[in-house]
């Protein structure tokens, strides 16, 4: 049986359903945009050549990129939630994290390969968290060491004949 009142309620419910469908679609679109933004963010951090580690206010690891896995030996399941000083144990790193280090960066040997040397920096990030950035400076270190050794050898080799002549 048709009643104008029932028809009115049907229109109201139809409008409510349409509004809910629109809200749901808007929410899905926002979610897709956020997922795309997060994917771009992860891609960016995985493309850069440095190791990136996000630390919370307690210096526990929240996230890290692929280079941190490869160069610093971090493991997804084992390292997340652990203090960085338990994995990279070094007093200079502890000083850097406590802001009591004189310089804004330190040099550390890789826990995976002792021939690799990394320049470590700590930078503020969002809401009390910080970024630990590690750059491979092994090549510069070994070039500088070779230069120093060369100069020492040349100096020694020149001193010997000069001593004989004098």
Protein backbone atom coordinates (compact mmCIF):
# COMPACT_ATOMS: atom_id res chain seq x y z
CA UNK A 1 0.00 0.00 0.00
CA UNK A 2 1.39 3.33 -1.09
CA UNK A 3 1.68 6.12 1.41
CA UNK A 4 3.34 9.53 0.94
CA UNK A 5 4.99 9.13 4.33
CA UNK A 6 6.59 5.80 3.33
CA UNK A 7 7.74 7.36 0.07
CA UNK A 8 9.33 10.23 2.00
CA UNK A 9 11.19 7.80 4.29
CA UNK A 10 12.42 5.88 1.27
CA UNK A 11 13.84 9.07 -0.18
CA UNK A 12 15.53 9.91 3.12
CA UNK A 13 17.08 6.45 3.39
CA UNK A 14 18.16 6.56 -0.25
CA UNK A 15 19.88 9.90 0.37
CA UNK A 16 21.58 8.53 3.51
CA UNK A 17 22.81 5.51 1.55
CA UNK A 18 24.09 7.72 -1.28
CA UNK A 19 25.96 9.90 1.22
CA UNK A 20 27.50 6.83 2.86
CA UNK A 21 28.58 5.48 -0.53
CA UNK A 22 30.20 8.83 -1.37
CA UNK A 23 31.99 8.93 1.98
CA UNK A 24 33.21 5.38 1.45
CA UNK A 25 34.49 6.24 -2.03
CA UNK A 26 36.24 9.36 -0.71
CA UNK A 27 37.82 7.28 2.03
CA UNK A 28 39.03 4.69 -0.50
CA UNK A 29 40.53 7.43 -2.70
CA UNK A 30 42.33 8.94 0.30
CA UNK A 31 43.61 5.53 1.29
CA UNK A 32 44.92 4.91 -2.24
CA UNK A 33 46.70 8.28 -2.20
CA UNK A 34 48.27 7.52 1.19
CA UNK A 35 49.42 4.09 0.04
CA UNK A 36 50.95 5.64 -3.07
CA UNK A 37 52.65 8.30 -0.95
CA UNK A 38 54.06 5.63 1.40
CA UNK A 39 55.26 3.55 -1.55
CA UNK A 40 57.02 6.62 -2.99
CA UNK A 41 58.55 7.34 0.43
CA UNK A 42 59.86 3.77 0.76
CA UNK A 43 61.14 3.78 -2.82
CA UNK A 44 62.99 7.05 -2.20
CA UNK A 45 64.72 5.72 0.90
CA UNK A 46 65.61 2.47 -0.85
CA UNK A 47 67.05 4.22 -3.93
CA UNK A 48 69.47 6.55 -2.16
CA UNK A 49 72.96 5.07 -1.73
CA UNK A 50 73.18 5.80 2.00
CA UNK A 51 71.98 3.57 4.81
CA UNK A 52 68.96 5.16 6.51
CA UNK A 53 67.69 4.08 9.91
CA UNK A 54 64.73 5.72 11.66
CA UNK A 55 65.19 5.76 15.43
CA UNK A 56 62.49 6.55 17.98
CA UNK A 57 63.07 8.77 21.04
CA UNK A 58 64.55 5.77 22.92
CA UNK A 59 67.06 5.11 20.09
CA UNK A 60 65.23 1.94 19.12
CA UNK A 61 65.01 1.05 15.44
CA UNK A 62 61.61 1.78 13.88
CA UNK A 63 62.51 1.30 10.21
CA UNK A 64 65.52 1.00 7.90
CA UNK A 65 66.23 0.81 4.18
CA UNK A 66 67.80 -1.98 2.15
CA UNK A 67 71.27 -0.46 2.31
CA UNK A 68 71.13 -0.57 6.11
CA UNK A 69 70.47 -4.29 5.78
CA UNK A 70 73.34 -4.79 3.37
CA UNK A 71 75.97 -2.56 4.98
CA UNK A 72 75.10 -2.45 8.67
CA UNK A 73 73.78 -5.98 9.02
CA UNK A 74 70.30 -5.03 10.19
CA UNK A 75 67.61 -7.71 9.89
CA UNK A 76 63.90 -6.91 9.52
CA UNK A 77 62.60 -9.26 12.22
CA UNK A 78 65.54 -9.10 14.61
CA UNK A 79 66.49 -5.42 14.51
CA UNK A 80 63.14 -3.59 14.65
CA UNK A 81 62.50 -2.45 18.21
CA UNK A 82 66.12 -3.00 19.36
CA UNK A 83 68.37 -0.21 20.51
CA UNK A 84 70.83 0.76 17.78
CA UNK A 85 73.68 0.67 20.32
CA UNK A 86 73.06 -3.07 20.86
CA UNK A 87 73.69 -3.70 17.16
CA UNK A 88 76.36 -1.08 16.44
CA UNK A 89 78.18 -1.04 19.76
CA UNK A 90 80.59 1.87 19.86
CA UNK A 91 81.16 4.51 22.54
CA UNK A 92 81.44 7.26 19.91
CA UNK A 93 77.98 6.30 18.60
CA UNK A 94 76.57 6.44 22.13
CA UNK A 95 78.09 9.92 22.54
CA UNK A 96 76.68 11.01 19.18
CA UNK A 97 73.21 9.77 20.17
CA UNK A 98 73.48 11.56 23.52
CA UNK A 99 74.55 14.77 21.73
CA UNK A 100 77.77 14.79 23.76
CA UNK A 101 80.07 14.18 20.80
CA UNK A 102 82.15 17.17 19.73
CA UNK A 103 81.48 16.68 16.03
CA UNK A 104 78.25 16.00 14.18
CA UNK A 105 79.51 12.77 12.61
CA UNK A 106 81.68 9.78 13.47
CA UNK A 107 83.48 7.06 11.55
CA UNK A 108 82.61 3.41 12.28
CA UNK A 109 83.74 0.10 10.85
CA UNK A 110 80.96 -1.99 9.37
CA UNK A 111 79.89 -4.91 11.58
CA UNK A 112 79.76 -7.05 8.42
CA UNK A 113 83.03 -6.11 6.71
CA UNK A 114 85.82 -4.56 8.82
CA UNK A 115 87.37 -3.07 5.64
CA UNK A 116 84.28 -0.90 5.18
CA UNK A 117 84.14 2.39 7.03
CA UNK A 118 80.98 4.46 7.39
CA UNK A 119 80.46 8.07 8.24
CA UNK A 120 77.53 8.16 10.69
CA UNK A 121 75.32 11.21 11.21
CA UNK A 122 72.25 11.66 13.38
CA UNK A 123 69.63 14.15 12.21
CA UNK A 124 66.32 15.17 13.81
CA UNK A 125 63.22 13.72 12.18
CA UNK A 126 59.51 13.89 12.96
CA UNK A 127 58.01 13.92 16.49
CA UNK A 128 61.10 13.13 18.52
CA UNK A 129 62.46 10.47 16.20
CA UNK A 130 65.82 10.77 14.45
CA UNK A 131 67.48 9.58 11.27
CA UNK A 132 70.74 7.72 11.41
CA UNK A 133 72.48 8.21 8.07
CA UNK A 134 75.47 6.05 7.20
CA UNK A 135 77.59 6.77 4.12
CA UNK A 136 80.33 4.46 2.88
CA UNK A 137 83.58 6.43 3.12
CA UNK A 138 85.88 3.41 2.80
CA UNK A 139 87.40 4.57 -0.46
CA UNK A 140 88.29 8.00 0.95
CA UNK A 141 89.70 6.40 4.10
CA UNK A 142 91.92 3.99 2.19
CA UNK A 143 93.08 6.71 -0.25
CA UNK A 144 94.00 8.94 2.69
CA UNK A 145 95.77 6.04 4.43
CA UNK A 146 97.73 5.25 1.24
CA UNK A 147 98.73 8.91 0.90
CA UNK A 148 99.87 9.06 4.54
CA UNK A 149 101.86 5.83 4.17
CA UNK A 150 103.42 7.10 0.94
CA UNK A 151 104.51 10.37 2.53
CA UNK A 152 105.95 8.50 5.54
CA UNK A 153 107.85 6.11 3.25
CA UNK A 154 109.20 8.91 1.03
CA UNK A 155 110.24 10.89 4.09
CA UNK A 156 112.05 7.85 5.51
CA UNK A 157 113.71 7.04 2.17
CA UNK A 158 114.92 10.63 1.79
CA UNK A 159 116.23 10.82 5.36
CA UNK A 160 118.49 7.77 4.94
CA UNK A 161 120.58 9.17 2.03
CA UNK A 162 120.65 12.62 3.61
CA UNK A 163 122.01 11.13 6.83
CA UNK A 164 124.75 9.35 4.87
CA UNK A 165 125.66 12.53 2.97
CA UNK A 166 125.78 14.64 6.13
